[in-house]
Every structure is written in structure tokens, then in C-alpha cells.
Amino acid sequence: MDGLIQSQKNLSIAEKYFRESLKLGLSMKHDIAMAKLSLAGIMMQKRRKREAQGLLTEAKNLDTHNMLTAQIKLMQEQMKRI
């Protein structure tokens, strides 16, 4: 939750919170996918395209119920512009 709030204010703090939540271990695949998708967005904003692409691929693989399909496609389209 803190990561989402901070992503509106401070990308570095948001990145820290998302990485910490992944490190501590989220139990549901869709939660991990959402955290990686959010991190990918932060990496895109920081112009770290290669890292963003890797996180996006991981999020796509974890999204087994296709709950994040639209967001992933949108981010992939945005990544083409970087």
C-alpha cells in the first residue's frame, strides 16, 4: 500500500517499498504480478527500460488469471515510445 501511495510522490521510496514487499514474500501470484507491474512502471519512469521489460515479462508470466492483461498491454505500448 505504501508503495502505491509513494509512487504518486517519490519514485525512489515507492521502488524501495515494492522491492521490500517482493523480498518479504507475497503469497498470491497476482499480488506478486501487481508488485512487479508497478515496479516496471517506476523503472520506465526512471528510463531503465531493460529492467522494466524484465519485470513486465515476469508480471505477465505470473498473471495466470489474466487480471492484469490490459495494464500489461498498455505498459508494453508505452515502452515502445521510450
C-alpha atoms as a PDB file:
ATOM      1  CA  MET A   1       0.000   0.000   0.000  1.00  0.00           C
ATOM      2  CA  ASP A   2       2.780   2.407   0.894  1.00  0.00           C
ATOM      3  CA  GLY A   3       4.398   1.708  -2.469  1.00  0.00           C
ATOM      4  CA  LEU A   4       1.280   2.780  -4.335  1.00  0.00           C
ATOM      5  CA  ILE A   5       0.937   5.952  -2.280  1.00  0.00           C
ATOM      6  CA  GLN A   6       4.600   6.860  -2.682  1.00  0.00           C
ATOM      7  CA  SER A   7       4.513   6.178  -6.425  1.00  0.00           C
ATOM      8  CA  GLN A   8       2.481   9.371  -6.715  1.00  0.00           C
ATOM      9  CA  LYS A   9       5.069  11.340  -4.721  1.00  0.00           C
ATOM     10  CA  ASN A  10       8.537   9.811  -4.704  1.00  0.00           C
ATOM     11  CA  LEU A  11       9.576   7.078  -7.130  1.00  0.00           C
ATOM     12  CA  SER A  12      12.662   6.047  -5.176  1.00  0.00           C
ATOM     13  CA  ILE A  13      10.693   5.434  -1.993  1.00  0.00           C
ATOM     14  CA  ALA A  14       7.974   3.622  -3.940  1.00  0.00           C
ATOM     15  CA  GLU A  15      10.607   1.408  -5.569  1.00  0.00           C
ATOM     16  CA  LYS A  16      12.007   0.591  -2.125  1.00  0.00           C
ATOM     17  CA  TYR A  17       8.582  -0.432  -0.775  1.00  0.00           C
ATOM     18  CA  PHE A  18       7.727  -2.618  -3.784  1.00  0.00           C
ATOM     19  CA  ARG A  19      11.118  -4.353  -3.689  1.00  0.00           C
ATOM     20  CA  GLU A  20      10.759  -4.880   0.053  1.00  0.00           C
ATOM     21  CA  SER A  21       7.316  -6.439  -0.356  1.00  0.00           C
ATOM     22  CA  LEU A  22       8.672  -8.808  -3.015  1.00  0.00           C
ATOM     23  CA  LYS A  23      11.642  -9.686  -0.826  1.00  0.00           C
ATOM     24  CA  LEU A  24       9.463 -10.407   2.217  1.00  0.00           C
ATOM     25  CA  GLY A  25       7.315 -12.685   0.086  1.00  0.00           C
ATOM     26  CA  LEU A  26       3.829 -12.086  -1.160  1.00  0.00           C
ATOM     27  CA  SER A  27       1.730 -15.246  -1.047  1.00  0.00           C
ATOM     28  CA  MET A  28      -0.541 -14.821  -4.077  1.00  0.00           C
ATOM     29  CA  LYS A  29       0.750 -14.876  -7.654  1.00  0.00           C
ATOM     30  CA  HIS A  30      -1.472 -11.973  -8.692  1.00  0.00           C
ATOM     31  CA  ASP A  31      -0.093  -9.858  -5.820  1.00  0.00           C
ATOM     32  CA  ILE A  32       3.457 -10.567  -6.962  1.00  0.00           C
ATOM     33  CA  ALA A  33       2.448  -9.781 -10.541  1.00  0.00           C
ATOM     34  CA  MET A  34       0.932  -6.454  -9.456  1.00  0.00           C
ATOM     35  CA  ALA A  35       4.047  -5.507  -7.487  1.00  0.00           C
ATOM     36  CA  LYS A  36       6.281  -6.349 -10.458  1.00  0.00           C
ATOM     37  CA  LEU A  37       3.986  -4.443 -12.812  1.00  0.00           C
ATOM     38  CA  SER A  38       4.154  -1.409 -10.531  1.00  0.00           C
ATOM     39  CA  LEU A  39       7.939  -1.700 -10.329  1.00  0.00           C
ATOM     40  CA  ALA A  40       8.091  -1.920 -14.125  1.00  0.00           C
ATOM     41  CA  GLY A  41       6.168   1.356 -14.321  1.00  0.00           C
ATOM     42  CA  ILE A  42       8.612   3.004 -11.936  1.00  0.00           C
ATOM     43  CA  MET A  43      11.579   1.694 -13.937  1.00  0.00           C
ATOM     44  CA  MET A  44      10.037   3.096 -17.120  1.00  0.00           C
ATOM     45  CA  GLN A  45       9.681   6.499 -15.499  1.00  0.00           C
ATOM     46  CA  LYS A  46      13.318   6.292 -14.428  1.00  0.00           C
ATOM     47  CA  ARG A  47      14.295   5.380 -18.031  1.00  0.00           C
ATOM     48  CA  ARG A  48      15.554   1.930 -17.007  1.00  0.00           C
ATOM     49  CA  LYS A  49      13.916   0.182 -19.944  1.00  0.00           C
ATOM     50  CA  ARG A  50      15.756  -3.161 -19.763  1.00  0.00           C
ATOM     51  CA  GLU A  51      14.830  -3.659 -16.111  1.00  0.00           C
ATOM     52  CA  ALA A  52      11.254  -2.560 -16.804  1.00  0.00           C
ATOM     53  CA  GLN A  53      10.959  -5.082 -19.643  1.00  0.00           C
ATOM     54  CA  GLY A  54      12.182  -7.914 -17.416  1.00  0.00           C
ATOM     55  CA  LEU A  55       9.736  -7.040 -14.649  1.00  0.00           C
ATOM     56  CA  LEU A  56       6.907  -6.749 -17.166  1.00  0.00           C
ATOM     57  CA  THR A  57       7.682 -10.204 -18.555  1.00  0.00           C
ATOM     58  CA  GLU A  58       7.717 -11.656 -15.042  1.00  0.00           C
ATOM     59  CA  ALA A  59       4.392  -9.976 -14.245  1.00  0.00           C
ATOM     60  CA  LYS A  60       2.855 -11.361 -17.438  1.00  0.00           C
ATOM     61  CA  ASN A  61       4.015 -14.888 -16.579  1.00  0.00           C
ATOM     62  CA  LEU A  62       2.597 -14.612 -13.046  1.00  0.00           C
ATOM     63  CA  ASP A  63      -0.769 -13.265 -14.240  1.00  0.00           C
ATOM     64  CA  THR A  64      -2.304 -16.705 -14.702  1.00  0.00           C
ATOM     65  CA  HIS A  65      -5.896 -15.442 -14.432  1.00  0.00           C
ATOM     66  CA  ASN A  66      -5.340 -12.595 -16.925  1.00  0.00           C
ATOM     67  CA  MET A  67      -6.403  -9.962 -14.414  1.00  0.00           C
ATOM     68  CA  LEU A  68      -3.640  -7.562 -15.490  1.00  0.00           C
ATOM     69  CA  THR A  69      -3.717  -8.175 -19.254  1.00  0.00           C
ATOM     70  CA  ALA A  70      -4.975  -4.692 -20.165  1.00  0.00           C
ATOM     71  CA  GLN A  71      -2.458  -2.926 -17.917  1.00  0.00           C
ATOM     72  CA  ILE A  72       0.413  -5.050 -19.238  1.00  0.00           C
ATOM     73  CA  LYS A  73      -0.532  -4.331 -22.861  1.00  0.00           C
ATOM     74  CA  LEU A  74      -0.798  -0.616 -22.122  1.00  0.00           C
ATOM     75  CA  MET A  75       2.624  -0.590 -20.495  1.00  0.00           C
ATOM     76  CA  GLN A  76       4.137  -2.513 -23.408  1.00  0.00           C
ATOM     77  CA  GLU A  77       2.769   0.112 -25.809  1.00  0.00           C
ATOM     78  CA  GLN A  78       4.181   2.911 -23.649  1.00  0.00           C
ATOM     79  CA  MET A  79       7.545   1.167 -23.504  1.00  0.00           C
ATOM     80  CA  LYS A  80       7.818   1.300 -27.304  1.00  0.00           C
ATOM     81  CA  ARG A  81       7.955   5.113 -27.029  1.00  0.00           C
ATOM     82  CA  ILE A  82      10.958   5.117 -24.704  1.00  0.00           C
END
